[in-house]
């Protein structure tokens, strides 16, 4: 069995990569993918702690399933928003799009 510390380090690394993608990138789709990586890191934490909990409590796995559903819904809504922005402005570069001026 993999030690809990290794899974938490992997989760922290994934979250850091996602955070870097959100802060440093300007393309809207890449920012959306980085947010998905950050959500996946949180889901990995839920699963890791659920696996190492002494009692067989499935609450971490239930939260993981809920997180997967939220991530899927967020991706669908985010892609719809970016398609609308692309149709309106012709680009999805976040610096070039001014949301308050149409």
PDB file of N, CA and C in Angstrom:
ATOM      1  N   UNK A   1       0.839  -1.180   0.000  1.00  0.00           N
ATOM      2  CA  UNK A   1       0.000   0.000   0.000  1.00  0.00           C
ATOM      3  C   UNK A   1       0.885   1.244   0.000  1.00  0.00           C
ATOM      4  N   UNK A   2       0.497   2.229  -0.772  1.00  0.00           N
ATOM      5  CA  UNK A   2       1.269   3.465  -0.880  1.00  0.00           C
ATOM      6  C   UNK A   2       1.063   4.290   0.392  1.00  0.00           C
ATOM      7  N   UNK A   3       2.137   4.839   0.951  1.00  0.00           N
ATOM      8  CA  UNK A   3       1.976   5.666   2.159  1.00  0.00           C
ATOM      9  C   UNK A   3       1.148   6.927   1.879  1.00  0.00           C
ATOM     10  N   UNK A   4       0.449   7.370   2.909  1.00  0.00           N
ATOM     11  CA  UNK A   4      -0.416   8.535   2.788  1.00  0.00           C
ATOM     12  C   UNK A   4       0.377   9.783   2.404  1.00  0.00           C
ATOM     13  N   UNK A   5       1.595   9.892   2.904  1.00  0.00           N
ATOM     14  CA  UNK A   5       2.402  11.077   2.621  1.00  0.00           C
ATOM     15  C   UNK A   5       2.689  11.215   1.128  1.00  0.00           C
ATOM     16  N   UNK A   6       2.915  10.098   0.448  1.00  0.00           N
ATOM     17  CA  UNK A   6       3.183  10.144  -0.994  1.00  0.00           C
ATOM     18  C   UNK A   6       1.971  10.646  -1.766  1.00  0.00           C
ATOM     19  N   UNK A   7       0.814  10.190  -1.364  1.00  0.00           N
ATOM     20  CA  UNK A   7      -0.402  10.644  -2.032  1.00  0.00           C
ATOM     21  C   UNK A   7      -0.657  12.122  -1.774  1.00  0.00           C
ATOM     22  N   UNK A   8      -0.372  12.581  -0.571  1.00  0.00           N
ATOM     23  CA  UNK A   8      -0.558  13.998  -0.266  1.00  0.00           C
ATOM     24  C   UNK A   8       0.458  14.858  -1.000  1.00  0.00           C
ATOM     25  N   UNK A   9       1.683  14.363  -1.157  1.00  0.00           N
ATOM     26  CA  UNK A   9       2.686  15.099  -1.929  1.00  0.00           C
ATOM     27  C   UNK A   9       2.278  15.186  -3.389  1.00  0.00           C
ATOM     28  N   UNK A  10       1.767  14.086  -3.934  1.00  0.00           N
ATOM     29  CA  UNK A  10       1.281  14.099  -5.311  1.00  0.00           C
ATOM     30  C   UNK A  10       0.122  15.081  -5.464  1.00  0.00           C
ATOM     31  N   UNK A  11      -0.774  15.092  -4.509  1.00  0.00           N
ATOM     32  CA  UNK A  11      -1.906  16.011  -4.558  1.00  0.00           C
ATOM     33  C   UNK A  11      -1.434  17.465  -4.480  1.00  0.00           C
ATOM     34  N   UNK A  12      -0.475  17.745  -3.621  1.00  0.00           N
ATOM     35  CA  UNK A  12       0.060  19.109  -3.518  1.00  0.00           C
ATOM     36  C   UNK A  12       0.760  19.522  -4.805  1.00  0.00           C
ATOM     37  N   UNK A  13       1.465  18.575  -5.425  1.00  0.00           N
ATOM     38  CA  UNK A  13       2.136  18.861  -6.692  1.00  0.00           C
ATOM     39  C   UNK A  13       1.108  19.153  -7.791  1.00  0.00           C
ATOM     40  N   UNK A  14       0.060  18.346  -7.868  1.00  0.00           N
ATOM     41  CA  UNK A  14      -0.995  18.592  -8.852  1.00  0.00           C
ATOM     42  C   UNK A  14      -1.675  19.941  -8.618  1.00  0.00           C
ATOM     43  N   UNK A  15      -1.945  20.250  -7.363  1.00  0.00           N
ATOM     44  CA  UNK A  15      -2.581  21.532  -7.057  1.00  0.00           C
ATOM     45  C   UNK A  15      -1.668  22.692  -7.429  1.00  0.00           C
ATOM     46  N   UNK A  16      -0.375  22.553  -7.190  1.00  0.00           N
ATOM     47  CA  UNK A  16       0.577  23.612  -7.538  1.00  0.00           C
ATOM     48  C   UNK A  16       0.656  23.812  -9.044  1.00  0.00           C
ATOM     49  N   UNK A  17       0.645  22.715  -9.803  1.00  0.00           N
ATOM     50  CA  UNK A  17       0.661  22.820 -11.262  1.00  0.00           C
ATOM     51  C   UNK A  17      -0.609  23.515 -11.749  1.00  0.00           C
ATOM     52  N   UNK A  18      -1.744  23.160 -11.183  1.00  0.00           N
ATOM     53  CA  UNK A  18      -2.996  23.812 -11.554  1.00  0.00           C
ATOM     54  C   UNK A  18      -3.012  25.285 -11.196  1.00  0.00           C
ATOM     55  N   UNK A  19      -2.487  25.628 -10.030  1.00  0.00           N
ATOM     56  CA  UNK A  19      -2.435  27.020  -9.612  1.00  0.00           C
ATOM     57  C   UNK A  19      -1.529  27.832 -10.524  1.00  0.00           C
ATOM     58  N   UNK A  20      -0.399  27.247 -10.926  1.00  0.00           N
ATOM     59  CA  UNK A  20       0.488  27.919 -11.869  1.00  0.00           C
ATOM     60  C   UNK A  20      -0.222  28.156 -13.197  1.00  0.00           C
ATOM     61  N   UNK A  21      -0.979  27.177 -13.663  1.00  0.00           N
ATOM     62  CA  UNK A  21      -1.708  27.330 -14.909  1.00  0.00           C
ATOM     63  C   UNK A  21      -2.763  28.420 -14.838  1.00  0.00           C
ATOM     64  N   UNK A  22      -3.427  28.562 -13.708  1.00  0.00           N
ATOM     65  CA  UNK A  22      -4.447  29.600 -13.549  1.00  0.00           C
ATOM     66  C   UNK A  22      -3.807  30.979 -13.515  1.00  0.00           C
ATOM     67  N   UNK A  23      -2.677  31.093 -12.817  1.00  0.00           N
ATOM     68  CA  UNK A  23      -2.055  32.402 -12.641  1.00  0.00           C
ATOM     69  C   UNK A  23      -1.279  32.835 -13.878  1.00  0.00           C
ATOM     70  N   UNK A  24      -0.579  31.920 -14.529  1.00  0.00           N
ATOM     71  CA  UNK A  24       0.360  32.300 -15.572  1.00  0.00           C
ATOM     72  C   UNK A  24      -0.223  32.288 -16.978  1.00  0.00           C
ATOM     73  N   UNK A  25      -1.255  31.542 -17.226  1.00  0.00           N
ATOM     74  CA  UNK A  25      -1.761  31.394 -18.599  1.00  0.00           C
ATOM     75  C   UNK A  25      -2.824  32.436 -18.902  1.00  0.00           C
ATOM     76  N   UNK A  26      -2.957  32.749 -20.187  1.00  0.00           N
ATOM     77  CA  UNK A  26      -3.928  33.733 -20.607  1.00  0.00           C
ATOM     78  C   UNK A  26      -5.065  33.136 -21.430  1.00  0.00           C
ATOM     79  N   UNK A  27      -4.900  31.929 -21.919  1.00  0.00           N
ATOM     80  CA  UNK A  27      -5.930  31.276 -22.719  1.00  0.00           C
ATOM     81  C   UNK A  27      -7.008  30.725 -21.780  1.00  0.00           C
ATOM     82  N   UNK A  28      -8.255  31.014 -22.089  1.00  0.00           N
ATOM     83  CA  UNK A  28      -9.353  30.629 -21.219  1.00  0.00           C
ATOM     84  C   UNK A  28      -9.516  29.129 -21.068  1.00  0.00           C
ATOM     85  N   UNK A  29      -9.304  28.377 -22.142  1.00  0.00           N
ATOM     86  CA  UNK A  29      -9.460  26.926 -22.065  1.00  0.00           C
ATOM     87  C   UNK A  29      -8.358  26.314 -21.199  1.00  0.00           C
ATOM     88  N   UNK A  30      -7.157  26.836 -21.300  1.00  0.00           N
ATOM     89  CA  UNK A  30      -6.058  26.321 -20.471  1.00  0.00           C
ATOM     90  C   UNK A  30      -6.298  26.650 -19.003  1.00  0.00           C
ATOM     91  N   UNK A  31      -6.851  27.829 -18.730  1.00  0.00           N
ATOM     92  CA  UNK A  31      -7.203  28.180 -17.347  1.00  0.00           C
ATOM     93  C   UNK A  31      -8.276  27.225 -16.829  1.00  0.00           C
ATOM     94  N   UNK A  32      -9.250  26.898 -17.663  1.00  0.00           N
ATOM     95  CA  UNK A  32     -10.292  25.945 -17.275  1.00  0.00           C
ATOM     96  C   UNK A  32      -9.700  24.564 -16.998  1.00  0.00           C
ATOM     97  N   UNK A  33      -8.760  24.126 -17.824  1.00  0.00           N
ATOM     98  CA  UNK A  33      -8.102  22.839 -17.596  1.00  0.00           C
ATOM     99  C   UNK A  33      -7.288  22.864 -16.307  1.00  0.00           C
ATOM    100  N   UNK A  34      -6.671  23.998 -16.000  1.00  0.00           N
ATOM    101  CA  UNK A  34      -5.900  24.111 -14.757  1.00  0.00           C
ATOM    102  C   UNK A  34      -6.803  24.037 -13.538  1.00  0.00           C
ATOM    103  N   UNK A  35      -7.977  24.612 -13.637  1.00  0.00           N
ATOM    104  CA  UNK A  35      -8.943  24.507 -12.540  1.00  0.00           C
ATOM    105  C   UNK A  35      -9.376  23.055 -12.360  1.00  0.00           C
ATOM    106  N   UNK A  36      -9.528  22.340 -13.460  1.00  0.00           N
ATOM    107  CA  UNK A  36      -9.872  20.913 -13.381  1.00  0.00           C
ATOM    108  C   UNK A  36      -8.758  20.120 -12.689  1.00  0.00           C
ATOM    109  N   UNK A  37      -7.505  20.475 -12.948  1.00  0.00           N
ATOM    110  CA  UNK A  37      -6.386  19.802 -12.283  1.00  0.00           C
ATOM    111  C   UNK A  37      -6.433  20.073 -10.779  1.00  0.00           C
ATOM    112  N   UNK A  38      -6.775  21.300 -10.395  1.00  0.00           N
ATOM    113  CA  UNK A  38      -6.865  21.628  -8.980  1.00  0.00           C
ATOM    114  C   UNK A  38      -8.007  20.859  -8.305  1.00  0.00           C
ATOM    115  N   UNK A  39      -9.130  20.720  -8.991  1.00  0.00           N
ATOM    116  CA  UNK A  39     -10.244  19.941  -8.440  1.00  0.00           C
ATOM    117  C   UNK A  39      -9.844  18.475  -8.315  1.00  0.00           C
ATOM    118  N   UNK A  40      -9.094  17.967  -9.295  1.00  0.00           N
ATOM    119  CA  UNK A  40      -8.630  16.575  -9.223  1.00  0.00           C
ATOM    120  C   UNK A  40      -7.694  16.357  -8.041  1.00  0.00           C
ATOM    121  N   UNK A  41      -6.887  17.351  -7.718  1.00  0.00           N
ATOM    122  CA  UNK A  41      -6.011  17.244  -6.551  1.00  0.00           C
ATOM    123  C   UNK A  41      -6.827  17.157  -5.266  1.00  0.00           C
ATOM    124  N   UNK A  42      -7.886  17.938  -5.183  1.00  0.00           N
ATOM    125  CA  UNK A  42      -8.747  17.866  -3.996  1.00  0.00           C
ATOM    126  C   UNK A  42      -9.447  16.513  -3.914  1.00  0.00           C
ATOM    127  N   UNK A  43      -9.885  15.987  -5.053  1.00  0.00           N
ATOM    128  CA  UNK A  43     -10.524  14.672  -5.070  1.00  0.00           C
ATOM    129  C   UNK A  43      -9.541  13.592  -4.638  1.00  0.00           C
ATOM    130  N   UNK A  44      -8.293  13.708  -5.070  1.00  0.00           N
ATOM    131  CA  UNK A  44      -7.268  12.755  -4.655  1.00  0.00           C
ATOM    132  C   UNK A  44      -7.074  12.785  -3.138  1.00  0.00           C
ATOM    133  N   UNK A  45      -7.143  13.964  -2.540  1.00  0.00           N
ATOM    134  CA  UNK A  45      -7.060  14.057  -1.078  1.00  0.00           C
ATOM    135  C   UNK A  45      -8.218  13.329  -0.406  1.00  0.00           C
ATOM    136  N   UNK A  46      -9.422  13.520  -0.915  1.00  0.00           N
ATOM    137  CA  UNK A  46     -10.581  12.831  -0.334  1.00  0.00           C
ATOM    138  C   UNK A  46     -10.406  11.321  -0.403  1.00  0.00           C
ATOM    139  N   UNK A  47      -9.971  10.829  -1.549  1.00  0.00           N
ATOM    140  CA  UNK A  47      -9.814   9.380  -1.711  1.00  0.00           C
ATOM    141  C   UNK A  47      -8.692   8.856  -0.826  1.00  0.00           C
ATOM    142  N   UNK A  48      -7.591   9.597  -0.740  1.00  0.00           N
ATOM    143  CA  UNK A  48      -6.456   9.152   0.081  1.00  0.00           C
ATOM    144  C   UNK A  48      -6.840   9.075   1.552  1.00  0.00           C
ATOM    145  N   UNK A  49      -7.507  10.100   2.056  1.00  0.00           N
ATOM    146  CA  UNK A  49      -7.893  10.077   3.458  1.00  0.00           C
ATOM    147  C   UNK A  49      -8.974   9.034   3.725  1.00  0.00           C
ATOM    148  N   UNK A  50      -9.830   8.799   2.757  1.00  0.00           N
ATOM    149  CA  UNK A  50     -10.847   7.765   2.933  1.00  0.00           C
ATOM    150  C   UNK A  50     -10.214   6.379   2.969  1.00  0.00           C
ATOM    151  N   UNK A  51      -9.180   6.155   2.175  1.00  0.00           N
ATOM    152  CA  UNK A  51      -8.526   4.847   2.149  1.00  0.00           C
ATOM    153  C   UNK A  51      -7.739   4.575   3.428  1.00  0.00           C
ATOM    154  N   UNK A  52      -7.225   5.623   4.054  1.00  0.00           N
ATOM    155  CA  UNK A  52      -6.400   5.431   5.244  1.00  0.00           C
ATOM    156  C   UNK A  52      -7.157   5.656   6.539  1.00  0.00           C
ATOM    157  N   UNK A  53      -8.454   5.888   6.449  1.00  0.00           N
ATOM    158  CA  UNK A  53      -9.255   6.025   7.663  1.00  0.00           C
ATOM    159  C   UNK A  53      -9.437   4.645   8.257  1.00  0.00           C
ATOM    160  N   UNK A  54      -9.242   4.492   9.583  1.00  0.00           N
ATOM    161  CA  UNK A  54      -9.308   3.143  10.170  1.00  0.00           C
ATOM    162  C   UNK A  54     -10.676   2.475  10.021  1.00  0.00           C
ATOM    163  N   UNK A  55     -11.736   3.236  10.171  1.00  0.00           N
ATOM    164  CA  UNK A  55     -13.069   2.653   9.968  1.00  0.00           C
ATOM    165  C   UNK A  55     -13.396   2.723   8.479  1.00  0.00           C
ATOM    166  N   UNK A  56     -14.139   1.786   8.012  1.00  0.00           N
ATOM    167  CA  UNK A  56     -14.486   1.734   6.586  1.00  0.00           C
ATOM    168  C   UNK A  56     -15.606   2.723   6.297  1.00  0.00           C
ATOM    169  N   UNK A  57     -15.320   4.002   6.455  1.00  0.00           N
ATOM    170  CA  UNK A  57     -16.307   5.050   6.241  1.00  0.00           C
ATOM    171  C   UNK A  57     -16.215   5.530   4.795  1.00  0.00           C
ATOM    172  N   UNK A  58     -17.270   5.386   4.020  1.00  0.00           N
ATOM    173  CA  UNK A  58     -17.198   5.756   2.601  1.00  0.00           C
ATOM    174  C   UNK A  58     -17.455   7.239   2.329  1.00  0.00           C
ATOM    175  N   UNK A  59     -17.426   8.094   3.351  1.00  0.00           N
ATOM    176  CA  UNK A  59     -17.771   9.494   3.125  1.00  0.00           C
ATOM    177  C   UNK A  59     -16.760  10.192   2.215  1.00  0.00           C
ATOM    178  N   UNK A  60     -15.488   9.822   2.288  1.00  0.00           N
ATOM    179  CA  UNK A  60     -14.502  10.418   1.385  1.00  0.00           C
ATOM    180  C   UNK A  60     -14.762  10.056  -0.059  1.00  0.00           C
ATOM    181  N   UNK A  61     -15.192   8.826  -0.294  1.00  0.00           N
ATOM    182  CA  UNK A  61     -15.508   8.406  -1.661  1.00  0.00           C
ATOM    183  C   UNK A  61     -16.770   9.088  -2.169  1.00  0.00           C
ATOM    184  N   UNK A  62     -17.733   9.323  -1.275  1.00  0.00           N
ATOM    185  CA  UNK A  62     -18.946  10.037  -1.667  1.00  0.00           C
ATOM    186  C   UNK A  62     -18.604  11.475  -2.045  1.00  0.00           C
ATOM    187  N   UNK A  63     -17.739  12.113  -1.255  1.00  0.00           N
ATOM    188  CA  UNK A  63     -17.304  13.469  -1.592  1.00  0.00           C
ATOM    189  C   UNK A  63     -16.525  13.481  -2.903  1.00  0.00           C
ATOM    190  N   UNK A  64     -15.756  12.434  -3.159  1.00  0.00           N
ATOM    191  CA  UNK A  64     -15.020  12.341  -4.421  1.00  0.00           C
ATOM    192  C   UNK A  64     -15.978  12.254  -5.605  1.00  0.00           C
ATOM    193  N   UNK A  65     -17.022  11.447  -5.480  1.00  0.00           N
ATOM    194  CA  UNK A  65     -18.018  11.369  -6.552  1.00  0.00           C
ATOM    195  C   UNK A  65     -18.729  12.701  -6.749  1.00  0.00           C
ATOM    196  N   UNK A  66     -19.027  13.381  -5.657  1.00  0.00           N
ATOM    197  CA  UNK A  66     -19.638  14.697  -5.751  1.00  0.00           C
ATOM    198  C   UNK A  66     -18.680  15.680  -6.429  1.00  0.00           C
ATOM    199  N   UNK A  67     -17.400  15.599  -6.095  1.00  0.00           N
ATOM    200  CA  UNK A  67     -16.402  16.464  -6.725  1.00  0.00           C
ATOM    201  C   UNK A  67     -16.263  16.204  -8.211  1.00  0.00           C
ATOM    202  N   UNK A  68     -16.344  14.942  -8.612  1.00  0.00           N
ATOM    203  CA  UNK A  68     -16.287  14.612 -10.037  1.00  0.00           C
ATOM    204  C   UNK A  68     -17.498  15.187 -10.763  1.00  0.00           C
ATOM    205  N   UNK A  69     -18.664  15.101 -10.151  1.00  0.00           N
ATOM    206  CA  UNK A  69     -19.876  15.658 -10.767  1.00  0.00           C
ATOM    207  C   UNK A  69     -19.777  17.179 -10.887  1.00  0.00           C
ATOM    208  N   UNK A  70     -19.271  17.819  -9.848  1.00  0.00           N
ATOM    209  CA  UNK A  70     -19.107  19.279  -9.887  1.00  0.00           C
ATOM    210  C   UNK A  70     -18.087  19.667 -10.951  1.00  0.00           C
ATOM    211  N   UNK A  71     -17.003  18.916 -11.074  1.00  0.00           N
ATOM    212  CA  UNK A  71     -15.982  19.213 -12.082  1.00  0.00           C
ATOM    213  C   UNK A  71     -16.540  19.060 -13.493  1.00  0.00           C
ATOM    214  N   UNK A  72     -17.354  18.050 -13.713  1.00  0.00           N
ATOM    215  CA  UNK A  72     -17.954  17.854 -15.035  1.00  0.00           C
ATOM    216  C   UNK A  72     -18.921  18.990 -15.368  1.00  0.00           C
ATOM    217  N   UNK A  73     -19.721  19.391 -14.401  1.00  0.00           N
ATOM    218  CA  UNK A  73     -20.657  20.494 -14.630  1.00  0.00           C
ATOM    219  C   UNK A  73     -19.911  21.801 -14.864  1.00  0.00           C
ATOM    220  N   UNK A  74     -18.853  22.015 -14.110  1.00  0.00           N
ATOM    221  CA  UNK A  74     -18.056  23.240 -14.271  1.00  0.00           C
ATOM    222  C   UNK A  74     -17.394  23.279 -15.639  1.00  0.00           C
ATOM    223  N   UNK A  75     -16.915  22.154 -16.118  1.00  0.00           N
ATOM    224  CA  UNK A  75     -16.288  22.112 -17.439  1.00  0.00           C
ATOM    225  C   UNK A  75     -17.314  22.396 -18.529  1.00  0.00           C
ATOM    226  N   UNK A  76     -18.507  21.840 -18.409  1.00  0.00           N
ATOM    227  CA  UNK A  76     -19.542  22.069 -19.418  1.00  0.00           C
ATOM    228  C   UNK A  76     -19.969  23.535 -19.457  1.00  0.00           C
ATOM    229  N   UNK A  77     -20.195  24.116 -18.295  1.00  0.00           N
ATOM    230  CA  UNK A  77     -20.607  25.521 -18.241  1.00  0.00           C
ATOM    231  C   UNK A  77     -19.467  26.431 -18.694  1.00  0.00           C
ATOM    232  N   UNK A  78     -18.252  26.118 -18.278  1.00  0.00           N
ATOM    233  CA  UNK A  78     -17.105  26.932 -18.684  1.00  0.00           C
ATOM    234  C   UNK A  78     -16.881  26.903 -20.179  1.00  0.00           C
ATOM    235  N   UNK A  79     -16.976  25.747 -20.793  1.00  0.00           N
ATOM    236  CA  UNK A  79     -16.815  25.667 -22.241  1.00  0.00           C
ATOM    237  C   UNK A  79     -17.933  26.403 -22.968  1.00  0.00           C
ATOM    238  N   UNK A  80     -19.149  26.348 -22.453  1.00  0.00           N
ATOM    239  CA  UNK A  80     -20.245  27.095 -23.060  1.00  0.00           C
ATOM    240  C   UNK A  80     -19.998  28.600 -22.973  1.00  0.00           C
ATOM    241  N   UNK A  81     -19.497  29.043 -21.843  1.00  0.00           N
ATOM    242  CA  UNK A  81     -19.189  30.469 -21.684  1.00  0.00           C
ATOM    243  C   UNK A  81     -18.080  30.884 -22.643  1.00  0.00           C
ATOM    244  N   UNK A  82     -17.043  30.065 -22.767  1.00  0.00           N
ATOM    245  CA  UNK A  82     -15.944  30.420 -23.663  1.00  0.00           C
ATOM    246  C   UNK A  82     -16.367  30.376 -25.124  1.00  0.00           C
ATOM    247  N   UNK A  83     -17.274  29.489 -25.493  1.00  0.00           N
ATOM    248  CA  UNK A  83     -17.799  29.493 -26.861  1.00  0.00           C
ATOM    249  C   UNK A  83     -18.576  30.775 -27.142  1.00  0.00           C
ATOM    250  N   UNK A  84     -19.361  31.226 -26.184  1.00  0.00           N
ATOM    251  CA  UNK A  84     -20.092  32.471 -26.343  1.00  0.00           C
ATOM    252  C   UNK A  84     -19.152  33.668 -26.435  1.00  0.00           C
ATOM    253  N   UNK A  85     -18.114  33.671 -25.604  1.00  0.00           N
ATOM    254  CA  UNK A  85     -17.130  34.759 -25.649  1.00  0.00           C
ATOM    255  C   UNK A  85     -16.398  34.751 -26.986  1.00  0.00           C
ATOM    256  N   UNK A  86     -16.083  33.573 -27.492  1.00  0.00           N
ATOM    257  CA  UNK A  86     -15.401  33.495 -28.782  1.00  0.00           C
ATOM    258  C   UNK A  86     -16.301  33.993 -29.911  1.00  0.00           C
ATOM    259  N   UNK A  87     -17.574  33.668 -29.858  1.00  0.00           N
ATOM    260  CA  UNK A  87     -18.487  34.148 -30.887  1.00  0.00           C
ATOM    261  C   UNK A  87     -18.653  35.662 -30.829  1.00  0.00           C
ATOM    262  N   UNK A  88     -18.620  36.224 -29.622  1.00  0.00           N
ATOM    263  CA  UNK A  88     -18.820  37.656 -29.461  1.00  0.00           C
ATOM    264  C   UNK A  88     -17.555  38.450 -29.770  1.00  0.00           C
ATOM    265  N   UNK A  89     -16.421  38.016 -29.223  1.00  0.00           N
ATOM    266  CA  UNK A  89     -15.183  38.790 -29.305  1.00  0.00           C
ATOM    267  C   UNK A  89     -14.186  38.258 -30.325  1.00  0.00           C
ATOM    268  N   UNK A  90     -14.318  37.014 -30.733  1.00  0.00           N
ATOM    269  CA  UNK A  90     -13.377  36.445 -31.690  1.00  0.00           C
ATOM    270  C   UNK A  90     -12.104  35.922 -31.071  1.00  0.00           C
ATOM    271  N   UNK A  91     -12.004  35.916 -29.760  1.00  0.00           N
ATOM    272  CA  UNK A  91     -10.828  35.390 -29.066  1.00  0.00           C
ATOM    273  C   UNK A  91     -11.236  34.899 -27.682  1.00  0.00           C
ATOM    274  N   UNK A  92     -10.403  34.020 -27.135  1.00  0.00           N
ATOM    275  CA  UNK A  92     -10.633  33.588 -25.750  1.00  0.00           C
ATOM    276  C   UNK A  92      -9.439  33.933 -24.866  1.00  0.00           C
ATOM    277  N   UNK A  93      -8.561  34.824 -25.370  1.00  0.00           N
ATOM    278  CA  UNK A  93      -7.470  35.318 -24.537  1.00  0.00           C
ATOM    279  C   UNK A  93      -8.070  36.219 -23.460  1.00  0.00           C
ATOM    280  N   UNK A  94      -7.811  35.891 -22.216  1.00  0.00           N
ATOM    281  CA  UNK A  94      -8.481  36.578 -21.113  1.00  0.00           C
ATOM    282  C   UNK A  94      -8.045  38.027 -20.975  1.00  0.00           C
ATOM    283  N   UNK A  95      -6.843  38.375 -21.426  1.00  0.00           N
ATOM    284  CA  UNK A  95      -6.402  39.765 -21.356  1.00  0.00           C
ATOM    285  C   UNK A  95      -7.076  40.637 -22.406  1.00  0.00           C
ATOM    286  N   UNK A  96      -7.422  40.046 -23.548  1.00  0.00           N
ATOM    287  CA  UNK A  96      -7.995  40.823 -24.649  1.00  0.00           C
ATOM    288  C   UNK A  96      -9.502  41.004 -24.539  1.00  0.00           C
ATOM    289  N   UNK A  97     -10.135  40.196 -23.734  1.00  0.00           N
ATOM    290  CA  UNK A  97     -11.590  40.258 -23.603  1.00  0.00           C
ATOM    291  C   UNK A  97     -11.936  41.152 -22.427  1.00  0.00           C
ATOM    292  N   UNK A  98     -12.764  42.135 -22.696  1.00  0.00           N
ATOM    293  CA  UNK A  98     -13.260  42.992 -21.615  1.00  0.00           C
ATOM    294  C   UNK A  98     -14.706  42.593 -21.362  1.00  0.00           C
ATOM    295  N   UNK A  99     -14.935  42.031 -20.194  1.00  0.00           N
ATOM    296  CA  UNK A  99     -16.242  41.467 -19.909  1.00  0.00           C
ATOM    297  C   UNK A  99     -17.315  42.518 -19.668  1.00  0.00           C
ATOM    298  N   UNK A 100     -16.936  43.698 -19.234  1.00  0.00           N
ATOM    299  CA  UNK A 100     -17.942  44.701 -18.899  1.00  0.00           C
ATOM    300  C   UNK A 100     -18.334  45.558 -20.086  1.00  0.00           C
ATOM    301  N   UNK A 101     -17.567  45.497 -21.171  1.00  0.00           N
ATOM    302  CA  UNK A 101     -17.902  46.238 -22.383  1.00  0.00           C
ATOM    303  C   UNK A 101     -18.233  45.286 -23.496  1.00  0.00           C
ATOM    304  N   UNK A 102     -19.370  45.429 -24.087  1.00  0.00           N
ATOM    305  CA  UNK A 102     -19.757  44.576 -25.204  1.00  0.00           C
ATOM    306  C   UNK A 102     -19.770  45.443 -26.406  1.00  0.00           C
TER     307      UNK A 102
END
